[in-house]
Amino acid sequence: MSVSQVTPTLFLSGADAPLNQALVSRKGITLIVNATLNHACPIYPGVECLRVPVSDLPSARLGDHFDRVAERIHGNRTGGTLVHCAAGMSRSPALIMAYLMRYRGVTLCRAHKWVQECRPYVRLNAGFWAQLLEYERRLYGRNTVKVATPMPPLTQLSWPPRSPLTQRSLTLLAGSPSSSSQAKGVNKDGLVRKW
């Protein structure tokens, strides 16, 4: 069971930590933010549970919950807060980064470094990054992180390439179309038939 301390009263974990009542009590946790679809909220005396029913998919709208969760974390004056998802790698770190931007006044770049220093194996999905970038722009009017744009799937690319330069590059890579290259598995367009 891995619980990472982000601030003196803010903790990040996977789904196993909130099930340990002794740990919840020892850390002084009075608010559990459950960012899962299928894990139940434990019922402990004096502990409130805030449910964020979002899947860990790039298309999931976690950003719709950033303000509500940040406000609850900030407003929890009675004890600590534990934010968890299934593994503590994507949904819960994203929610904590949104809180850090809104109430600790840090940029997304700094919020990511902060959380990663506490929990090195944080891996947000691309959709959550996009939503955090949008949130940072809303809060600060600019972005401090650049996320690489993934290449579209091959099915969305034009094939064969329309550009003469691209066609020539592919021909050079595959070898010149000749009778000898036909024997090597290169078709008349200079493209390799088999790998």
C-alpha atoms as a PDB file:
ATOM      1  CA  MET A   1       0.000   0.000   0.000  1.00  0.00           C
ATOM      2  CA  SER A   2       1.565   3.242  -1.166  1.00  0.00           C
ATOM      3  CA  VAL A   3       0.448   6.606   0.181  1.00  0.00           C
ATOM      4  CA  SER A   4       2.287   9.709  -0.992  1.00  0.00           C
ATOM      5  CA  GLN A   5       2.235  12.927   1.014  1.00  0.00           C
ATOM      6  CA  VAL A   6       1.831  15.989  -1.212  1.00  0.00           C
ATOM      7  CA  THR A   7       1.420  18.592   1.559  1.00  0.00           C
ATOM      8  CA  PRO A   8       1.200  18.149   5.337  1.00  0.00           C
ATOM      9  CA  THR A   9      -2.553  17.478   4.990  1.00  0.00           C
ATOM     10  CA  LEU A  10      -2.908  16.169   1.411  1.00  0.00           C
ATOM     11  CA  PHE A  11      -2.250  12.554   0.422  1.00  0.00           C
ATOM     12  CA  LEU A  12      -2.369  10.610  -2.840  1.00  0.00           C
ATOM     13  CA  SER A  13      -2.865   6.870  -3.247  1.00  0.00           C
ATOM     14  CA  GLY A  14      -4.384   3.978  -5.114  1.00  0.00           C
ATOM     15  CA  ALA A  15      -7.628   2.286  -4.113  1.00  0.00           C
ATOM     16  CA  ASP A  16      -6.126   0.109  -1.368  1.00  0.00           C
ATOM     17  CA  ALA A  17      -5.138   2.879   1.088  1.00  0.00           C
ATOM     18  CA  PRO A  18      -8.620   4.140   2.005  1.00  0.00           C
ATOM     19  CA  LEU A  19      -9.593   0.585   2.956  1.00  0.00           C
ATOM     20  CA  ASN A  20      -7.054   0.657   5.784  1.00  0.00           C
ATOM     21  CA  GLN A  21      -8.915   2.380   8.622  1.00  0.00           C
ATOM     22  CA  ALA A  22      -5.805   2.473  10.828  1.00  0.00           C
ATOM     23  CA  LEU A  23      -3.890   4.367   8.129  1.00  0.00           C
ATOM     24  CA  VAL A  24      -6.771   6.789   7.557  1.00  0.00           C
ATOM     25  CA  SER A  25      -6.908   7.453  11.304  1.00  0.00           C
ATOM     26  CA  ARG A  26      -3.114   7.734  11.701  1.00  0.00           C
ATOM     27  CA  LYS A  27      -2.881  10.332   8.900  1.00  0.00           C
ATOM     28  CA  GLY A  28      -5.778  12.330  10.371  1.00  0.00           C
ATOM     29  CA  ILE A  29      -7.804  12.007   7.179  1.00  0.00           C
ATOM     30  CA  THR A  30     -11.316  13.442   7.345  1.00  0.00           C
ATOM     31  CA  LEU A  31     -12.008  13.650   3.596  1.00  0.00           C
ATOM     32  CA  ILE A  32     -11.521  10.909   1.005  1.00  0.00           C
ATOM     33  CA  VAL A  33     -11.844  11.846  -2.667  1.00  0.00           C
ATOM     34  CA  ASN A  34     -12.666   8.654  -4.564  1.00  0.00           C
ATOM     35  CA  ALA A  35     -11.929   9.107  -8.299  1.00  0.00           C
ATOM     36  CA  THR A  36     -13.039   5.659  -9.458  1.00  0.00           C
ATOM     37  CA  LEU A  37     -16.089   4.091 -11.007  1.00  0.00           C
ATOM     38  CA  ASN A  38     -16.087   0.778  -9.165  1.00  0.00           C
ATOM     39  CA  HIS A  39     -14.387   1.143  -5.782  1.00  0.00           C
ATOM     40  CA  ALA A  40     -16.716   1.723  -2.855  1.00  0.00           C
ATOM     41  CA  CYS A  41     -16.262   4.598  -0.440  1.00  0.00           C
ATOM     42  CA  PRO A  42     -15.413   3.267   3.011  1.00  0.00           C
ATOM     43  CA  ILE A  43     -17.600   4.448   5.871  1.00  0.00           C
ATOM     44  CA  TYR A  44     -15.621   5.604   8.905  1.00  0.00           C
ATOM     45  CA  PRO A  45     -16.765   7.857  11.754  1.00  0.00           C
ATOM     46  CA  GLY A  46     -15.821  11.476  11.065  1.00  0.00           C
ATOM     47  CA  VAL A  47     -14.657  10.793   7.487  1.00  0.00           C
ATOM     48  CA  GLU A  48     -16.525  12.224   4.507  1.00  0.00           C
ATOM     49  CA  CYS A  49     -16.232  10.681   1.044  1.00  0.00           C
ATOM     50  CA  LEU A  50     -16.497  12.741  -2.147  1.00  0.00           C
ATOM     51  CA  ARG A  51     -17.177  10.611  -5.207  1.00  0.00           C
ATOM     52  CA  VAL A  52     -15.734  11.530  -8.633  1.00  0.00           C
ATOM     53  CA  PRO A  53     -17.090   8.796 -10.932  1.00  0.00           C
ATOM     54  CA  VAL A  54     -14.727   9.102 -13.901  1.00  0.00           C
ATOM     55  CA  SER A  55     -12.987   6.378 -15.888  1.00  0.00           C
ATOM     56  CA  ASP A  56      -9.276   6.521 -16.706  1.00  0.00           C
ATOM     57  CA  LEU A  57      -9.784   7.159 -20.408  1.00  0.00           C
ATOM     58  CA  PRO A  58      -8.530  10.147 -22.436  1.00  0.00           C
ATOM     59  CA  SER A  59     -12.148  10.923 -23.375  1.00  0.00           C
ATOM     60  CA  ALA A  60     -13.331  11.056 -19.734  1.00  0.00           C
ATOM     61  CA  ARG A  61     -14.300  14.546 -18.509  1.00  0.00           C
ATOM     62  CA  LEU A  62     -12.231  14.747 -15.325  1.00  0.00           C
ATOM     63  CA  GLY A  63     -11.882  18.503 -15.856  1.00  0.00           C
ATOM     64  CA  ASP A  64     -15.576  18.918 -15.079  1.00  0.00           C
ATOM     65  CA  HIS A  65     -14.673  18.053 -11.465  1.00  0.00           C
ATOM     66  CA  PHE A  66     -11.505  20.181 -11.020  1.00  0.00           C
ATOM     67  CA  ASP A  67     -13.193  23.145  -9.314  1.00  0.00           C
ATOM     68  CA  ARG A  68     -15.502  21.083  -7.089  1.00  0.00           C
ATOM     69  CA  VAL A  69     -12.678  18.833  -5.856  1.00  0.00           C
ATOM     70  CA  ALA A  70     -10.220  21.714  -5.391  1.00  0.00           C
ATOM     71  CA  GLU A  71     -12.811  23.640  -3.359  1.00  0.00           C
ATOM     72  CA  ARG A  72     -13.486  20.626  -1.110  1.00  0.00           C
ATOM     73  CA  ILE A  73      -9.780  19.957  -0.537  1.00  0.00           C
ATOM     74  CA  HIS A  74      -9.209  23.628   0.251  1.00  0.00           C
ATOM     75  CA  GLY A  75     -12.263  23.775   2.509  1.00  0.00           C
ATOM     76  CA  ASN A  76     -11.333  20.698   4.556  1.00  0.00           C
ATOM     77  CA  ARG A  77     -10.192  22.384   7.767  1.00  0.00           C
ATOM     78  CA  THR A  78     -10.902  19.460  10.100  1.00  0.00           C
ATOM     79  CA  GLY A  79      -8.076  17.163   8.989  1.00  0.00           C
ATOM     80  CA  GLY A  80      -6.253  15.617   6.072  1.00  0.00           C
ATOM     81  CA  THR A  81      -7.498  14.728   2.613  1.00  0.00           C
ATOM     82  CA  LEU A  82      -6.748  11.513   0.738  1.00  0.00           C
ATOM     83  CA  VAL A  83      -7.298  11.631  -3.031  1.00  0.00           C
ATOM     84  CA  HIS A  84      -7.263   8.231  -4.693  1.00  0.00           C
ATOM     85  CA  CYS A  85      -8.036   6.425  -7.918  1.00  0.00           C
ATOM     86  CA  ALA A  86      -7.380   2.788  -8.816  1.00  0.00           C
ATOM     87  CA  ALA A  87      -3.563   3.002  -8.936  1.00  0.00           C
ATOM     88  CA  GLY A  88      -2.804   6.590  -7.913  1.00  0.00           C
ATOM     89  CA  MET A  89      -1.192   7.279 -11.275  1.00  0.00           C
ATOM     90  CA  SER A  90      -3.601   9.289 -13.451  1.00  0.00           C
ATOM     91  CA  ARG A  91      -6.976  10.526 -12.143  1.00  0.00           C
ATOM     92  CA  SER A  92      -5.991  11.362  -8.555  1.00  0.00           C
ATOM     93  CA  PRO A  93      -2.700  13.104  -9.480  1.00  0.00           C
ATOM     94  CA  ALA A  94      -4.579  15.175 -12.084  1.00  0.00           C
ATOM     95  CA  LEU A  95      -7.120  16.276  -9.455  1.00  0.00           C
ATOM     96  CA  ILE A  96      -4.322  17.210  -7.054  1.00  0.00           C
ATOM     97  CA  MET A  97      -2.478  19.150  -9.764  1.00  0.00           C
ATOM     98  CA  ALA A  98      -5.666  21.139 -10.445  1.00  0.00           C
ATOM     99  CA  TYR A  99      -5.952  21.891  -6.707  1.00  0.00           C
ATOM    100  CA  LEU A 100      -2.300  23.012  -6.535  1.00  0.00           C
ATOM    101  CA  MET A 101      -2.813  25.363  -9.476  1.00  0.00           C
ATOM    102  CA  ARG A 102      -5.989  26.889  -8.092  1.00  0.00           C
ATOM    103  CA  TYR A 103      -5.208  27.189  -4.377  1.00  0.00           C
ATOM    104  CA  ARG A 104      -1.421  27.065  -4.136  1.00  0.00           C
ATOM    105  CA  GLY A 105      -0.900  29.464  -7.044  1.00  0.00           C
ATOM    106  CA  VAL A 106       1.519  27.271  -8.973  1.00  0.00           C
ATOM    107  CA  THR A 107       1.712  26.675 -12.704  1.00  0.00           C
ATOM    108  CA  LEU A 108       0.906  23.332 -14.263  1.00  0.00           C
ATOM    109  CA  CYS A 109       4.614  22.736 -14.827  1.00  0.00           C
ATOM    110  CA  ARG A 110       5.350  23.299 -11.130  1.00  0.00           C
ATOM    111  CA  ALA A 111       2.285  21.302 -10.008  1.00  0.00           C
ATOM    112  CA  HIS A 112       3.428  18.339 -12.101  1.00  0.00           C
ATOM    113  CA  LYS A 113       6.970  18.502 -10.688  1.00  0.00           C
ATOM    114  CA  TRP A 114       5.575  18.806  -7.160  1.00  0.00           C
ATOM    115  CA  VAL A 115       3.368  15.723  -7.506  1.00  0.00           C
ATOM    116  CA  GLN A 116       6.047  13.756  -9.367  1.00  0.00           C
ATOM    117  CA  GLU A 117       8.566  14.444  -6.576  1.00  0.00           C
ATOM    118  CA  CYS A 118       6.093  12.939  -4.099  1.00  0.00           C
ATOM    119  CA  ARG A 119       5.008  10.072  -6.357  1.00  0.00           C
ATOM    120  CA  PRO A 120       7.522   9.339  -9.153  1.00  0.00           C
ATOM    121  CA  TYR A 121       5.305   6.890 -11.038  1.00  0.00           C
ATOM    122  CA  VAL A 122       2.577   9.387 -11.953  1.00  0.00           C
ATOM    123  CA  ARG A 123       1.416   8.839 -15.564  1.00  0.00           C
ATOM    124  CA  LEU A 124      -1.534  10.992 -16.624  1.00  0.00           C
ATOM    125  CA  ASN A 125      -3.328  10.025 -19.804  1.00  0.00           C
ATOM    126  CA  ALA A 126      -3.294  12.445 -22.752  1.00  0.00           C
ATOM    127  CA  GLY A 127      -6.893  13.533 -22.238  1.00  0.00           C
ATOM    128  CA  PHE A 128      -6.252  14.567 -18.631  1.00  0.00           C
ATOM    129  CA  TRP A 129      -3.175  16.533 -19.742  1.00  0.00           C
ATOM    130  CA  ALA A 130      -5.306  18.380 -22.294  1.00  0.00           C
ATOM    131  CA  GLN A 131      -7.900  19.196 -19.616  1.00  0.00           C
ATOM    132  CA  LEU A 132      -5.213  20.419 -17.203  1.00  0.00           C
ATOM    133  CA  LEU A 133      -3.741  22.616 -19.955  1.00  0.00           C
ATOM    134  CA  GLU A 134      -7.198  24.075 -20.546  1.00  0.00           C
ATOM    135  CA  TYR A 135      -7.606  24.633 -16.783  1.00  0.00           C
ATOM    136  CA  GLU A 136      -4.214  26.348 -16.525  1.00  0.00           C
ATOM    137  CA  ARG A 137      -5.131  28.628 -19.450  1.00  0.00           C
ATOM    138  CA  ARG A 138      -8.386  29.481 -17.698  1.00  0.00           C
ATOM    139  CA  LEU A 139      -6.614  30.252 -14.403  1.00  0.00           C
ATOM    140  CA  TYR A 140      -3.494  32.013 -15.705  1.00  0.00           C
ATOM    141  CA  GLY A 141      -4.182  32.924 -19.325  1.00  0.00           C
ATOM    142  CA  ARG A 142      -1.218  30.888 -20.599  1.00  0.00           C
ATOM    143  CA  ASN A 143       0.334  27.443 -20.584  1.00  0.00           C
ATOM    144  CA  THR A 144       3.655  26.421 -19.052  1.00  0.00           C
ATOM    145  CA  VAL A 145       3.718  22.852 -20.382  1.00  0.00           C
ATOM    146  CA  LYS A 146       3.865  21.654 -23.969  1.00  0.00           C
ATOM    147  CA  VAL A 147       2.525  18.204 -24.688  1.00  0.00           C
ATOM    148  CA  ALA A 148       3.658  16.390 -27.815  1.00  0.00           C
ATOM    149  CA  THR A 149       0.833  15.773 -30.249  1.00  0.00           C
ATOM    150  CA  PRO A 150       0.550  12.106 -31.172  1.00  0.00           C
ATOM    151  CA  MET A 151       0.718  11.096 -34.829  1.00  0.00           C
ATOM    152  CA  PRO A 152      -2.642  10.182 -36.346  1.00  0.00           C
ATOM    153  CA  PRO A 153      -3.221   6.482 -36.996  1.00  0.00           C
ATOM    154  CA  LEU A 154      -2.089   5.225 -40.405  1.00  0.00           C
ATOM    155  CA  THR A 155      -5.706   4.884 -41.475  1.00  0.00           C
ATOM    156  CA  GLN A 156      -6.012   8.677 -41.317  1.00  0.00           C
ATOM    157  CA  LEU A 157      -2.880   9.343 -43.356  1.00  0.00           C
ATOM    158  CA  SER A 158      -3.002   9.746 -47.102  1.00  0.00           C
ATOM    159  CA  TRP A 159      -1.587   6.614 -48.717  1.00  0.00           C
ATOM    160  CA  PRO A 160       0.222   6.433 -50.994  1.00  0.00           C
ATOM    161  CA  PRO A 161       1.920   9.730 -50.105  1.00  0.00           C
ATOM    162  CA  ARG A 162       0.947  12.577 -52.423  1.00  0.00           C
ATOM    163  CA  SER A 163       4.101  14.595 -51.873  1.00  0.00           C
ATOM    164  CA  PRO A 164       6.875  13.897 -54.434  1.00  0.00           C
ATOM    165  CA  LEU A 165       9.460  14.391 -51.681  1.00  0.00           C
ATOM    166  CA  THR A 166       7.798  11.809 -49.452  1.00  0.00           C
ATOM    167  CA  GLN A 167       7.381   9.420 -52.392  1.00  0.00           C
ATOM    168  CA  ARG A 168      11.077   9.848 -53.274  1.00  0.00           C
ATOM    169  CA  SER A 169      12.099   9.288 -49.626  1.00  0.00           C
ATOM    170  CA  LEU A 170      10.101   6.072 -49.494  1.00  0.00           C
ATOM    171  CA  THR A 171      11.637   4.949 -52.787  1.00  0.00           C
ATOM    172  CA  LEU A 172      15.128   5.629 -51.443  1.00  0.00           C
ATOM    173  CA  LEU A 173      14.357   3.743 -48.245  1.00  0.00           C
ATOM    174  CA  ALA A 174      12.968   0.758 -50.105  1.00  0.00           C
ATOM    175  CA  GLY A 175      15.508   0.774 -52.928  1.00  0.00           C
ATOM    176  CA  SER A 176      15.070   1.814 -56.530  1.00  0.00           C
ATOM    177  CA  PRO A 177      12.383   0.007 -58.463  1.00  0.00           C
ATOM    178  CA  SER A 178      14.223  -2.357 -60.745  1.00  0.00           C
ATOM    179  CA  SER A 179      14.008  -5.951 -61.765  1.00  0.00           C
ATOM    180  CA  SER A 180      16.533  -6.901 -59.075  1.00  0.00           C
ATOM    181  CA  SER A 181      14.491  -5.141 -56.401  1.00  0.00           C
ATOM    182  CA  GLN A 182      11.415  -7.102 -57.488  1.00  0.00           C
ATOM    183  CA  ALA A 183      13.214 -10.209 -56.332  1.00  0.00           C
ATOM    184  CA  LYS A 184      13.964  -8.518 -52.996  1.00  0.00           C
ATOM    185  CA  GLY A 185      10.286  -7.973 -52.209  1.00  0.00           C
ATOM    186  CA  VAL A 186      10.054  -4.383 -53.497  1.00  0.00           C
ATOM    187  CA  ASN A 187       7.121  -3.613 -55.777  1.00  0.00           C
ATOM    188  CA  LYS A 188       7.233  -1.460 -58.930  1.00  0.00           C
ATOM    189  CA  ASP A 189       6.486   1.691 -56.870  1.00  0.00           C
ATOM    190  CA  GLY A 190       9.588   1.122 -54.757  1.00  0.00           C
ATOM    191  CA  LEU A 191       7.671   0.072 -51.652  1.00  0.00           C
ATOM    192  CA  VAL A 192       8.556  -3.011 -49.649  1.00  0.00           C
ATOM    193  CA  ARG A 193       5.864  -5.699 -49.799  1.00  0.00           C
ATOM    194  CA  LYS A 194       6.976  -7.792 -46.812  1.00  0.00           C
ATOM    195  CA  TRP A 195       9.051  -7.016 -43.728  1.00  0.00           C
END
